[in-house]
């Protein structure tokens, strides 16, 4: 790290999630408050948009402006000037699922998972979305998280939060997955779970820790090689941003914390940032055509 971790926006998110760096700003969501947030670190300015339902991720769209976003009702298109428009309903509403975490690979394919909104049933799945449509790539998961891709584009990672396992797959040029294997089991305590995950330019995974007060950095060999502590129990995801992609941003959550714990950690739910010595990967854009 090059500086102290700082709370740059004490917004007290119920379930802050999905940070991405796009343009000169950080975009992220508060799932339970149904908000899309924008934060500009150069000016400190921030603003928010209301969503019509639980909003779970954003991914910028190539050549068109706006974002693909996950809402509980399915995948939508969002533009700050024009609002929301439905693109596709992914699953039967009777499952009581919603989308969760997402990423975009270098070929413009959107990868996202669904999860049971009550966090009880293994009804979630992993999906790939491209110009041809949506394809299910894995299934039988309660809480999907952390889809991300190695810098060479050949390894795909996906997190099963309740199983405390990050899975690795071989990712082919055509977007197919094979050779599923356990990459790392996060065994740091009974009440600590791996949440959102990103991969830096050196191929290391940064895994947010729900209940773990920080994030861990894991090498491509599956070894923990670093940890950053935060004054918030539930860290949900990490994002590299800034002009050189060497600022780490962290979303956190107040969800599930007692009044006593919130009094002890008043910055829980805030947006945090810190400078680091390794760069992240650039944010890719979804190609819908």
Foldseek 3Di string as FASTA:
>chain_A
DFDAKDFLFLPQAAAWDAWEADDQWIWTARQVQQKIKIAHVVVSDIDIDHAPARWAYWFAAPPPAFTWTWGQQGIWTQHPVPGIDDDDGDDDCVQCKTKHYWAADQVQKIKTKIARPVLDFQAMFIWIQALVGIDTQGGRAHDKAAWEAFPVRQKTWIDRWVQQFIWIWGADPVGHTHDIDTQERDDPDPQWTWAYWYAFNQGWIWTFIQQCQWTFIAHSNGHTDDIDGHLARGWHYWYQDDPQSFKIKIAFHPHPPDPVSCVSRVSGRTIMIDGDDTHGDHGDHHYND
